[in-house]
N, C-alpha and C. Protein backbone atom coordinates (compact mmCIF):
# COMPACT_ATOMS: atom_id res chain seq x y z
N ASN A 1 -46.74 10.90 106.61
CA ASN A 1 -45.60 11.31 107.52
C ASN A 1 -44.33 10.88 106.75
N LEU A 2 -44.20 9.67 106.32
CA LEU A 2 -43.02 9.30 105.61
C LEU A 2 -42.67 10.05 104.43
N LEU A 3 -43.70 10.41 103.76
CA LEU A 3 -43.56 11.22 102.66
C LEU A 3 -43.12 12.59 102.82
N ASN A 4 -43.51 13.12 103.94
CA ASN A 4 -43.10 14.49 104.43
C ASN A 4 -41.45 14.44 104.69
N ARG A 5 -41.15 13.42 105.40
CA ARG A 5 -39.72 13.22 105.84
C ARG A 5 -38.81 13.07 104.59
N ALA A 6 -39.30 12.20 103.58
CA ALA A 6 -38.56 12.11 102.40
C ALA A 6 -38.40 13.30 101.75
N SER A 7 -39.44 14.10 101.55
CA SER A 7 -39.38 15.28 100.84
C SER A 7 -38.42 16.28 101.47
N ASP A 8 -38.60 16.25 102.80
CA ASP A 8 -37.60 17.23 103.64
C ASP A 8 -36.08 17.04 103.38
N ASP A 9 -35.93 15.61 103.41
CA ASP A 9 -34.45 15.12 103.29
C ASP A 9 -34.00 15.47 101.82
N ALA A 10 -34.79 15.42 100.85
CA ALA A 10 -34.49 15.73 99.52
C ALA A 10 -34.28 17.15 99.37
N ALA A 11 -35.04 18.02 100.03
CA ALA A 11 -34.93 19.48 99.86
C ALA A 11 -33.44 19.94 100.59
N GLU A 12 -33.20 19.21 101.64
CA GLU A 12 -31.86 19.54 102.29
C GLU A 12 -30.78 19.07 101.43
N ALA A 13 -30.86 18.00 100.56
CA ALA A 13 -29.79 17.52 99.78
C ALA A 13 -29.45 18.48 98.61
N GLY A 14 -30.37 19.33 98.19
CA GLY A 14 -30.23 20.08 97.16
C GLY A 14 -31.03 19.90 95.97
N PRO A 15 -30.91 20.48 94.86
CA PRO A 15 -31.71 20.31 93.76
C PRO A 15 -31.60 19.12 92.93
N SER A 16 -30.41 18.55 92.92
CA SER A 16 -30.17 17.17 92.21
C SER A 16 -30.34 16.07 93.19
N GLY A 17 -30.53 16.28 94.31
CA GLY A 17 -30.84 15.13 95.41
C GLY A 17 -29.62 14.44 95.77
N SER A 18 -28.52 14.70 95.29
CA SER A 18 -27.19 13.96 95.64
C SER A 18 -26.21 14.84 95.91
N ALA A 19 -26.22 16.10 95.80
CA ALA A 19 -25.10 16.99 95.80
C ALA A 19 -24.73 17.11 97.36
N PRO A 20 -23.36 16.98 97.42
CA PRO A 20 -22.86 17.13 98.84
C PRO A 20 -22.89 18.52 99.24
N PRO A 21 -22.95 18.95 100.57
CA PRO A 21 -23.00 20.26 101.08
C PRO A 21 -21.65 20.89 100.80
N ASP A 22 -21.65 22.17 100.61
CA ASP A 22 -20.43 22.90 100.48
C ASP A 22 -19.55 22.83 101.80
N PRO A 23 -18.23 22.50 101.58
CA PRO A 23 -17.53 22.37 102.79
C PRO A 23 -17.40 23.75 103.51
N SER A 24 -17.49 23.69 104.82
CA SER A 24 -17.48 24.84 105.69
C SER A 24 -15.98 25.18 105.80
N PRO A 25 -15.55 26.41 106.04
CA PRO A 25 -14.21 26.75 106.30
C PRO A 25 -13.60 25.86 107.30
N SER A 26 -14.41 25.35 108.32
CA SER A 26 -13.68 24.54 109.47
C SER A 26 -13.42 23.22 108.97
N THR A 27 -13.96 22.71 107.82
CA THR A 27 -13.70 21.27 107.35
C THR A 27 -12.64 21.23 106.29
N VAL A 28 -12.11 22.37 105.74
CA VAL A 28 -11.10 22.41 104.73
C VAL A 28 -9.74 22.36 105.47
N PRO A 29 -8.88 21.22 105.12
CA PRO A 29 -7.53 21.16 105.74
C PRO A 29 -6.67 22.47 105.41
N ARG A 30 -6.11 22.91 106.51
CA ARG A 30 -5.20 24.05 106.38
C ARG A 30 -3.74 23.64 106.74
N PRO A 31 -2.82 24.25 106.20
CA PRO A 31 -1.40 24.14 106.76
C PRO A 31 -1.39 24.52 108.22
N GLU A 32 -0.43 23.77 108.82
CA GLU A 32 -0.36 23.79 110.21
C GLU A 32 0.13 25.28 110.67
N ASN A 33 1.15 25.77 109.75
CA ASN A 33 1.53 27.11 110.01
C ASN A 33 1.65 27.76 108.72
N GLU A 34 1.90 29.05 108.65
CA GLU A 34 1.68 29.70 107.39
C GLU A 34 2.94 29.58 106.56
N SER A 35 4.15 29.06 107.09
CA SER A 35 5.33 28.98 106.25
C SER A 35 5.18 27.52 105.38
N ASP A 36 4.20 26.59 105.85
CA ASP A 36 3.98 25.46 105.15
C ASP A 36 3.02 25.65 103.86
N ALA A 37 2.40 26.81 103.82
CA ALA A 37 1.47 27.07 102.79
C ALA A 37 1.79 26.93 101.39
N GLY A 38 3.16 27.45 101.16
CA GLY A 38 3.68 27.41 99.75
C GLY A 38 4.52 26.11 99.54
N LYS A 39 4.81 25.22 100.45
CA LYS A 39 5.68 23.95 100.37
C LYS A 39 4.94 22.97 99.57
N MET A 40 5.72 22.12 98.70
CA MET A 40 5.29 21.04 98.13
C MET A 40 5.27 19.88 99.04
N PRO A 41 4.26 18.97 98.88
CA PRO A 41 4.33 17.83 99.81
C PRO A 41 5.75 17.01 99.65
N ASP A 42 5.92 16.12 100.67
CA ASP A 42 7.23 15.36 100.44
C ASP A 42 6.94 14.41 99.31
N VAL A 43 7.94 14.30 98.51
CA VAL A 43 8.06 13.57 97.17
C VAL A 43 8.98 12.31 97.44
N VAL A 44 8.59 11.00 97.19
CA VAL A 44 9.23 9.90 97.17
C VAL A 44 9.98 9.57 95.91
N THR A 45 11.27 9.58 95.94
CA THR A 45 11.97 9.31 94.67
C THR A 45 12.30 7.84 94.43
N ILE A 46 12.74 7.58 93.33
CA ILE A 46 13.07 6.23 92.92
C ILE A 46 14.31 5.67 93.79
N ASP A 47 15.23 6.66 94.04
CA ASP A 47 16.27 6.11 95.14
C ASP A 47 15.68 5.85 96.59
N ASP A 48 14.66 6.62 96.85
CA ASP A 48 14.01 6.23 98.26
C ASP A 48 13.52 4.85 98.19
N LEU A 49 12.73 4.66 97.12
CA LEU A 49 12.19 3.23 96.98
C LEU A 49 13.19 2.14 96.82
N ASN A 50 14.38 2.41 96.07
CA ASN A 50 15.41 1.47 96.09
C ASN A 50 16.15 1.19 97.49
N ASP A 51 16.15 2.25 98.25
CA ASP A 51 16.67 2.01 99.68
C ASP A 51 15.78 1.13 100.37
N GLU A 52 14.51 1.48 100.30
CA GLU A 52 13.45 0.72 100.94
C GLU A 52 13.36 -0.69 100.59
N ARG A 53 13.59 -0.95 99.41
CA ARG A 53 13.77 -2.35 98.78
C ARG A 53 15.12 -3.17 99.23
N ASP A 54 16.07 -2.34 99.44
CA ASP A 54 17.43 -2.96 99.96
C ASP A 54 17.13 -3.30 101.41
N ILE A 55 16.48 -2.50 102.17
CA ILE A 55 16.28 -2.99 103.55
C ILE A 55 15.40 -4.11 103.60
N LEU A 56 14.41 -4.35 102.81
CA LEU A 56 13.57 -5.56 102.84
C LEU A 56 14.35 -6.78 102.28
N ARG A 57 15.21 -6.55 101.37
CA ARG A 57 16.01 -7.71 100.83
C ARG A 57 17.09 -8.23 101.98
N LYS A 58 17.43 -7.38 102.89
CA LYS A 58 18.41 -7.71 103.84
C LYS A 58 18.01 -8.93 104.67
N ASP A 59 16.73 -8.96 105.09
CA ASP A 59 16.28 -10.15 105.98
C ASP A 59 15.04 -10.72 105.22
N LEU A 60 15.10 -10.81 104.04
CA LEU A 60 13.98 -11.35 103.11
C LEU A 60 13.86 -12.80 103.50
N ILE A 61 14.83 -13.65 103.45
CA ILE A 61 14.65 -14.87 103.64
C ILE A 61 14.26 -15.35 105.24
N ASP A 62 14.56 -14.50 106.05
CA ASP A 62 14.05 -14.80 107.49
C ASP A 62 12.66 -14.42 107.59
N ARG A 63 12.21 -13.37 106.99
CA ARG A 63 10.85 -12.95 107.03
C ARG A 63 10.10 -14.15 106.20
N CYS A 64 10.60 -14.59 105.07
CA CYS A 64 9.77 -15.68 104.34
C CYS A 64 9.67 -16.87 105.16
N LEU A 65 10.66 -17.34 105.91
CA LEU A 65 10.67 -18.30 106.90
C LEU A 65 9.56 -18.24 107.98
N ASP A 66 9.60 -17.04 108.42
CA ASP A 66 8.52 -16.66 109.62
C ASP A 66 7.10 -16.84 108.87
N VAL A 67 6.94 -16.29 107.63
CA VAL A 67 5.61 -16.40 107.13
C VAL A 67 5.29 -17.91 106.84
N LEU A 68 6.34 -18.73 106.55
CA LEU A 68 6.08 -20.13 106.13
C LEU A 68 5.76 -20.95 107.40
N ASN A 69 6.34 -20.44 108.50
CA ASN A 69 5.99 -21.15 109.86
C ASN A 69 4.61 -20.99 110.21
N VAL A 70 4.03 -19.94 109.82
CA VAL A 70 2.53 -19.63 110.13
C VAL A 70 1.68 -20.13 108.99
N HIS A 71 2.04 -19.93 107.71
CA HIS A 71 1.18 -20.29 106.54
C HIS A 71 2.09 -21.29 105.72
N ASN A 72 1.97 -22.48 105.92
CA ASN A 72 2.64 -23.44 105.16
C ASN A 72 2.20 -23.68 103.72
N ASP A 73 1.31 -23.10 103.35
CA ASP A 73 0.73 -23.23 101.94
C ASP A 73 1.07 -22.14 100.99
N VAL A 74 1.95 -21.32 101.12
CA VAL A 74 2.39 -20.33 100.32
C VAL A 74 3.81 -20.49 99.94
N THR A 75 4.28 -21.59 99.77
CA THR A 75 5.60 -21.88 99.13
C THR A 75 5.88 -21.38 97.77
N PHE A 76 4.87 -21.51 96.96
CA PHE A 76 4.90 -21.02 95.42
C PHE A 76 5.12 -19.56 95.58
N GLU A 77 4.38 -18.81 96.22
CA GLU A 77 4.47 -17.44 96.28
C GLU A 77 5.69 -16.91 96.87
N LEU A 78 6.19 -17.59 97.95
CA LEU A 78 7.54 -17.16 98.53
C LEU A 78 8.62 -17.48 97.64
N ALA A 79 8.60 -18.63 96.83
CA ALA A 79 9.62 -18.80 95.88
C ALA A 79 9.71 -17.71 94.86
N GLU A 80 8.45 -17.35 94.34
CA GLU A 80 8.28 -16.30 93.41
C GLU A 80 8.95 -14.86 93.93
N LEU A 81 8.57 -14.65 95.18
CA LEU A 81 9.04 -13.30 95.91
C LEU A 81 10.70 -13.47 95.96
N ILE A 82 11.28 -14.55 96.27
CA ILE A 82 12.58 -14.74 96.42
C ILE A 82 13.26 -14.56 95.05
N SER A 83 12.77 -15.14 94.04
CA SER A 83 13.28 -14.96 92.85
C SER A 83 13.24 -13.62 92.24
N ALA A 84 12.12 -12.86 92.38
CA ALA A 84 11.99 -11.51 92.06
C ALA A 84 13.09 -10.53 92.87
N ALA A 85 13.24 -10.84 94.12
CA ALA A 85 14.12 -10.10 94.92
C ALA A 85 15.65 -10.29 94.55
N VAL A 86 15.98 -11.48 94.17
CA VAL A 86 17.26 -11.88 93.82
C VAL A 86 17.60 -11.21 92.34
N SER A 87 16.61 -11.36 91.47
CA SER A 87 16.82 -10.67 90.21
C SER A 87 17.18 -9.22 90.27
N LYS A 88 16.65 -8.35 91.12
CA LYS A 88 16.87 -7.03 91.17
C LYS A 88 17.84 -6.64 92.28
N ALA A 89 18.49 -7.59 92.87
CA ALA A 89 19.50 -7.29 93.93
C ALA A 89 20.88 -6.65 93.33
N ALA A 90 21.42 -5.88 94.14
CA ALA A 90 22.67 -5.33 93.60
C ALA A 90 23.75 -6.48 93.53
N ASP A 91 23.70 -7.39 94.38
CA ASP A 91 24.62 -8.54 94.38
C ASP A 91 23.83 -9.96 94.35
N PRO A 92 23.40 -10.27 93.19
CA PRO A 92 22.41 -11.45 93.23
C PRO A 92 23.19 -12.76 93.69
N ALA A 93 24.48 -12.86 93.31
CA ALA A 93 25.23 -14.12 93.72
C ALA A 93 25.32 -14.06 95.16
N GLY A 94 25.56 -13.03 95.86
CA GLY A 94 25.65 -13.05 97.30
C GLY A 94 24.33 -13.23 98.04
N LEU A 95 23.34 -12.76 97.50
CA LEU A 95 21.94 -12.86 97.94
C LEU A 95 21.53 -14.49 97.90
N ARG A 96 21.87 -14.89 96.70
CA ARG A 96 21.47 -16.44 96.55
C ARG A 96 22.29 -17.36 97.44
N LYS A 97 23.51 -16.99 97.72
CA LYS A 97 24.48 -17.80 98.64
C LYS A 97 23.75 -17.63 100.19
N GLU A 98 23.33 -16.47 100.58
CA GLU A 98 22.77 -16.26 101.84
C GLU A 98 21.49 -17.04 101.85
N ILE A 99 20.56 -16.91 100.90
CA ILE A 99 19.30 -17.66 100.91
C ILE A 99 19.54 -19.12 100.99
N GLY A 100 20.40 -19.67 100.18
CA GLY A 100 20.66 -21.12 100.28
C GLY A 100 21.21 -21.53 101.52
N GLU A 101 22.06 -20.83 102.16
CA GLU A 101 22.57 -21.19 103.47
C GLU A 101 21.51 -21.25 104.54
N THR A 102 20.80 -20.12 104.47
CA THR A 102 19.72 -19.99 105.59
C THR A 102 18.68 -21.11 105.52
N ILE A 103 18.11 -21.33 104.18
CA ILE A 103 17.17 -22.24 104.16
C ILE A 103 17.66 -23.70 104.44
N VAL A 104 18.75 -23.97 103.95
CA VAL A 104 19.33 -25.49 104.32
C VAL A 104 19.62 -25.52 105.87
N GLN A 105 20.20 -24.46 106.54
CA GLN A 105 20.43 -24.60 107.91
C GLN A 105 19.12 -24.74 108.66
N SER A 106 18.07 -23.96 108.11
CA SER A 106 16.68 -24.11 108.78
C SER A 106 16.18 -25.41 108.71
N LEU A 107 16.26 -26.08 107.58
CA LEU A 107 15.72 -27.34 107.25
C LEU A 107 16.61 -28.47 108.09
N SER A 108 17.92 -28.25 108.17
CA SER A 108 18.71 -29.14 108.94
C SER A 108 18.43 -29.17 110.48
N SER A 109 18.18 -27.91 110.91
CA SER A 109 17.78 -27.65 112.32
C SER A 109 16.62 -28.52 112.75
N LEU A 110 15.47 -28.71 111.77
CA LEU A 110 14.42 -29.43 112.14
C LEU A 110 14.69 -31.03 112.32
N GLN A 111 15.83 -31.44 111.62
CA GLN A 111 16.20 -32.78 111.82
C GLN A 111 16.75 -33.16 113.20
N MET A 112 17.37 -32.06 113.91
CA MET A 112 18.02 -32.33 115.09
C MET A 112 17.25 -32.69 116.21
N GLU A 113 15.90 -32.54 116.18
CA GLU A 113 15.05 -32.87 117.30
C GLU A 113 14.79 -34.33 117.27
N ASP A 114 14.45 -34.84 118.51
CA ASP A 114 14.26 -36.34 118.61
C ASP A 114 12.89 -36.70 117.93
N ASP A 115 11.87 -35.99 118.03
CA ASP A 115 10.63 -36.47 117.42
C ASP A 115 10.22 -35.35 116.43
N ILE A 116 10.39 -35.77 115.08
CA ILE A 116 10.06 -34.67 114.20
C ILE A 116 8.77 -34.68 113.73
N ARG A 117 7.84 -35.57 114.18
CA ARG A 117 6.47 -35.56 113.74
C ARG A 117 5.69 -34.28 114.08
N PRO A 118 5.94 -33.72 115.25
CA PRO A 118 5.14 -32.30 115.51
C PRO A 118 5.51 -31.33 114.45
N ASN A 119 6.67 -31.38 113.86
CA ASN A 119 7.08 -30.37 112.81
C ASN A 119 6.82 -30.95 111.45
N SER A 120 6.04 -31.75 111.17
CA SER A 120 5.95 -32.35 109.90
C SER A 120 5.43 -31.43 108.90
N ARG A 121 4.58 -30.43 109.09
CA ARG A 121 4.20 -29.58 108.20
C ARG A 121 5.39 -28.46 107.80
N LYS A 122 5.91 -28.10 108.92
CA LYS A 122 7.06 -27.23 108.75
C LYS A 122 8.17 -27.71 107.86
N ILE A 123 8.39 -29.08 108.23
CA ILE A 123 9.63 -29.73 107.34
C ILE A 123 9.14 -29.76 106.06
N ALA A 124 7.98 -30.25 105.80
CA ALA A 124 7.39 -30.26 104.42
C ALA A 124 7.48 -28.94 103.66
N SER A 125 7.15 -27.83 104.31
CA SER A 125 7.07 -26.64 103.69
C SER A 125 8.47 -26.09 103.37
N TYR A 126 9.43 -26.30 104.36
CA TYR A 126 10.90 -25.89 104.20
C TYR A 126 11.41 -26.64 103.10
N ALA A 127 11.22 -27.88 103.03
CA ALA A 127 11.74 -28.79 101.86
C ALA A 127 11.11 -28.33 100.66
N HIS A 128 9.85 -28.07 100.67
CA HIS A 128 9.23 -27.55 99.42
C HIS A 128 9.89 -26.34 98.95
N LEU A 129 10.05 -25.45 99.77
CA LEU A 129 10.69 -24.23 99.31
C LEU A 129 12.05 -24.52 98.88
N VAL A 130 12.83 -25.25 99.49
CA VAL A 130 14.07 -25.55 98.96
C VAL A 130 13.99 -26.10 97.58
N ALA A 131 13.21 -26.95 97.38
CA ALA A 131 13.06 -27.63 95.98
C ALA A 131 12.69 -26.64 95.02
N LEU A 132 11.82 -25.67 95.32
CA LEU A 132 11.42 -24.60 94.27
C LEU A 132 12.37 -23.76 94.11
N VAL A 133 13.27 -23.31 95.11
CA VAL A 133 14.36 -22.35 94.98
C VAL A 133 15.52 -23.05 94.15
N LEU A 134 15.58 -24.31 94.15
CA LEU A 134 16.73 -24.93 93.49
C LEU A 134 16.42 -25.05 91.93
N GLN A 135 15.09 -24.84 91.53
CA GLN A 135 14.73 -24.79 90.15
C GLN A 135 15.33 -23.72 89.50
N GLU A 136 15.61 -22.72 90.15
CA GLU A 136 16.14 -21.47 89.60
C GLU A 136 17.65 -21.53 89.33
N LYS A 137 18.13 -20.97 88.44
CA LYS A 137 19.52 -20.95 88.02
C LYS A 137 20.34 -20.14 88.94
N GLY A 138 21.60 -20.62 89.18
CA GLY A 138 22.42 -19.76 90.08
C GLY A 138 22.68 -20.13 91.50
N TYR A 139 21.85 -21.21 91.87
CA TYR A 139 22.03 -21.75 93.23
C TYR A 139 23.07 -22.82 93.37
N ASP A 140 24.17 -22.69 92.84
CA ASP A 140 25.18 -23.84 92.84
C ASP A 140 25.68 -23.82 94.36
N SER A 141 25.86 -22.73 95.09
CA SER A 141 26.33 -22.77 96.35
C SER A 141 25.33 -23.41 97.30
N MET A 142 23.99 -23.39 96.85
CA MET A 142 23.10 -24.19 97.80
C MET A 142 23.26 -25.75 97.49
N LEU A 143 23.52 -25.95 96.26
CA LEU A 143 23.70 -27.39 95.93
C LEU A 143 24.92 -27.98 96.75
N ASP A 144 25.97 -27.12 96.72
CA ASP A 144 27.06 -27.61 97.58
C ASP A 144 26.94 -27.75 99.04
N GLU A 145 26.09 -26.87 99.60
CA GLU A 145 25.51 -26.90 101.01
C GLU A 145 24.72 -28.12 101.25
N LEU A 146 23.90 -28.40 100.27
CA LEU A 146 23.09 -29.68 100.36
C LEU A 146 23.90 -31.00 100.17
N LYS A 147 24.89 -30.90 99.54
CA LYS A 147 25.72 -32.21 99.30
C LYS A 147 26.44 -32.36 100.61
N GLU A 148 26.89 -31.31 101.43
CA GLU A 148 27.49 -31.53 102.71
C GLU A 148 26.67 -32.06 103.64
N ASN A 149 25.20 -31.67 103.41
CA ASN A 149 24.14 -32.17 104.41
C ASN A 149 23.36 -33.26 103.80
N LEU A 150 23.97 -34.08 102.85
CA LEU A 150 23.12 -35.31 102.39
C LEU A 150 22.68 -36.26 103.50
N PRO A 151 23.56 -36.62 104.38
CA PRO A 151 23.20 -37.39 105.59
C PRO A 151 21.89 -36.89 106.24
N MET A 152 21.69 -35.58 106.48
CA MET A 152 20.55 -35.02 107.04
C MET A 152 19.41 -35.29 106.15
N LEU A 153 19.52 -34.99 104.83
CA LEU A 153 18.46 -35.36 103.89
C LEU A 153 17.95 -36.66 103.87
N LEU A 154 18.89 -37.62 103.81
CA LEU A 154 18.56 -39.07 103.88
C LEU A 154 17.89 -39.48 105.14
N ALA A 155 18.31 -38.80 106.31
CA ALA A 155 17.61 -39.09 107.62
C ALA A 155 16.20 -38.78 107.50
N PHE A 156 15.74 -37.85 106.80
CA PHE A 156 14.37 -37.50 106.58
C PHE A 156 13.67 -38.57 105.93
N LEU A 157 14.17 -39.42 105.14
CA LEU A 157 13.65 -40.57 104.37
C LEU A 157 13.36 -41.78 105.20
N LYS A 158 14.00 -41.84 106.29
CA LYS A 158 13.89 -43.05 107.19
C LYS A 158 12.47 -43.15 107.73
N PRO A 159 11.85 -44.27 107.68
CA PRO A 159 10.46 -44.39 108.10
C PRO A 159 10.46 -44.18 109.57
N LEU A 160 9.46 -43.61 110.03
CA LEU A 160 9.15 -43.35 111.59
C LEU A 160 8.83 -44.70 112.24
N PRO A 161 9.14 -44.85 113.25
CA PRO A 161 8.97 -46.14 114.06
C PRO A 161 7.47 -46.62 114.11
N ASP A 162 6.53 -45.70 114.39
CA ASP A 162 5.27 -46.03 114.49
C ASP A 162 4.29 -45.87 113.40
N ARG A 163 4.92 -45.76 112.14
CA ARG A 163 4.16 -45.50 111.00
C ARG A 163 4.49 -46.58 109.97
N THR A 164 3.49 -47.01 109.31
CA THR A 164 3.85 -47.86 108.15
C THR A 164 4.28 -47.25 106.92
N VAL A 165 4.73 -47.95 105.90
CA VAL A 165 5.32 -47.39 104.57
C VAL A 165 4.20 -46.63 103.97
N GLU A 166 2.99 -47.05 103.99
CA GLU A 166 1.86 -46.53 103.38
C GLU A 166 1.47 -45.07 103.98
N GLU A 167 1.90 -44.85 105.31
CA GLU A 167 1.57 -43.66 106.00
C GLU A 167 2.88 -42.68 105.85
N SER A 168 3.21 -42.43 104.68
CA SER A 168 4.47 -41.81 104.51
C SER A 168 4.37 -40.30 105.19
N SER A 169 5.39 -39.68 105.31
CA SER A 169 5.40 -38.32 106.00
C SER A 169 5.23 -37.33 104.84
N PRO A 170 4.67 -36.27 105.09
CA PRO A 170 4.39 -35.29 104.21
C PRO A 170 5.58 -34.58 103.41
N TRP A 171 6.79 -34.84 103.99
CA TRP A 171 7.90 -34.15 103.39
C TRP A 171 8.72 -34.93 102.43
N VAL A 172 8.45 -36.35 102.48
CA VAL A 172 9.30 -37.21 101.60
C VAL A 172 9.38 -36.94 100.21
N GLY A 173 8.24 -36.52 99.56
CA GLY A 173 8.27 -36.14 98.16
C GLY A 173 9.16 -34.85 97.96
N TYR A 174 9.12 -33.83 98.79
CA TYR A 174 10.04 -32.82 98.56
C TYR A 174 11.48 -33.08 98.79
N ILE A 175 11.73 -33.95 99.74
CA ILE A 175 13.19 -34.35 100.13
C ILE A 175 13.60 -35.09 98.77
N LEU A 176 12.87 -35.97 98.25
CA LEU A 176 13.20 -36.59 97.07
C LEU A 176 13.44 -35.67 95.90
N LEU A 177 12.72 -34.70 95.65
CA LEU A 177 12.96 -33.76 94.69
C LEU A 177 14.26 -33.08 94.78
N ILE A 178 14.58 -32.66 96.17
CA ILE A 178 15.87 -32.16 96.31
C ILE A 178 17.04 -33.07 96.08
N ILE A 179 16.88 -34.39 96.39
CA ILE A 179 17.87 -35.36 96.16
C ILE A 179 18.12 -35.55 94.67
N GLU A 180 16.96 -35.47 93.98
CA GLU A 180 16.88 -35.70 92.35
C GLU A 180 17.57 -34.51 91.76
N ARG A 181 17.57 -33.27 92.34
CA ARG A 181 18.23 -32.21 91.80
C ARG A 181 19.83 -32.33 92.12
N LEU A 182 20.14 -32.87 93.38
CA LEU A 182 21.49 -33.32 93.59
C LEU A 182 22.10 -34.16 92.76
N LEU A 183 21.38 -35.22 92.36
CA LEU A 183 21.86 -36.31 91.46
C LEU A 183 21.96 -35.80 90.06
N GLU A 184 21.10 -34.84 89.62
CA GLU A 184 21.09 -34.31 88.29
C GLU A 184 22.40 -33.46 88.19
N GLN A 185 22.72 -32.76 89.17
CA GLN A 185 23.86 -31.82 89.09
C GLN A 185 25.04 -32.58 89.17
N ASP A 186 25.03 -33.72 89.89
CA ASP A 186 26.22 -34.65 89.98
C ASP A 186 26.53 -35.45 88.87
N GLU A 187 25.44 -35.69 87.92
CA GLU A 187 25.71 -36.37 86.74
C GLU A 187 26.33 -35.52 85.69
N GLN A 188 26.40 -34.27 85.76
CA GLN A 188 26.90 -33.44 84.78
C GLN A 188 28.49 -33.59 84.74
N PRO A 189 29.17 -33.65 83.59
CA PRO A 189 30.58 -33.78 83.63
C PRO A 189 31.31 -32.48 84.33
N ASN A 190 32.49 -32.61 85.00
CA ASN A 190 33.12 -31.50 85.53
C ASN A 190 33.76 -30.70 84.55
N LYS A 191 33.78 -29.31 84.73
CA LYS A 191 34.34 -28.48 83.75
C LYS A 191 35.77 -28.48 83.86
N ILE A 192 36.41 -28.55 82.71
CA ILE A 192 37.90 -28.59 82.66
C ILE A 192 38.43 -27.22 82.63
N VAL A 193 39.33 -26.96 83.71
CA VAL A 193 39.79 -25.53 83.78
C VAL A 193 41.18 -25.50 82.90
């Protein structure tokens, strides 16, 4: 009985055993009306793609921070994305300035809360992103913003009342990287104009 069914299935499939059935006229897609029959499908141009990229760049840093709020382990990927977006932007300096201001303000807003422990992963990931972005050239405006907010950065380094020194907070290393970058920049002699 099984052999009969298998041979019947093979006979229905055709001589090669795997040939698809010919499409019937009802399964072939047709243009909705006769005037669409000779038209080319819509084509996406490079200008269209560049316009879409510009739209994404406008709120890139806000989207990155939203992703970082949910997935705090993608800081390296987001830093690469930011770097790639800035390198292809029409106004890289302006985009760098906006990115720097937004990240620093977001980090400083986390310091304003009374108990920062519930946001420890968020603080660590924001600080990590700041440290990674600072490694790129051209973020001098971000360094200036961080200098103005140095007391905020130092406040992150204060030990929490109910933790010992050994139980350091996860953001301390990243905050120290940021401060190291500030000290490195401060060490450079001023340019004479």
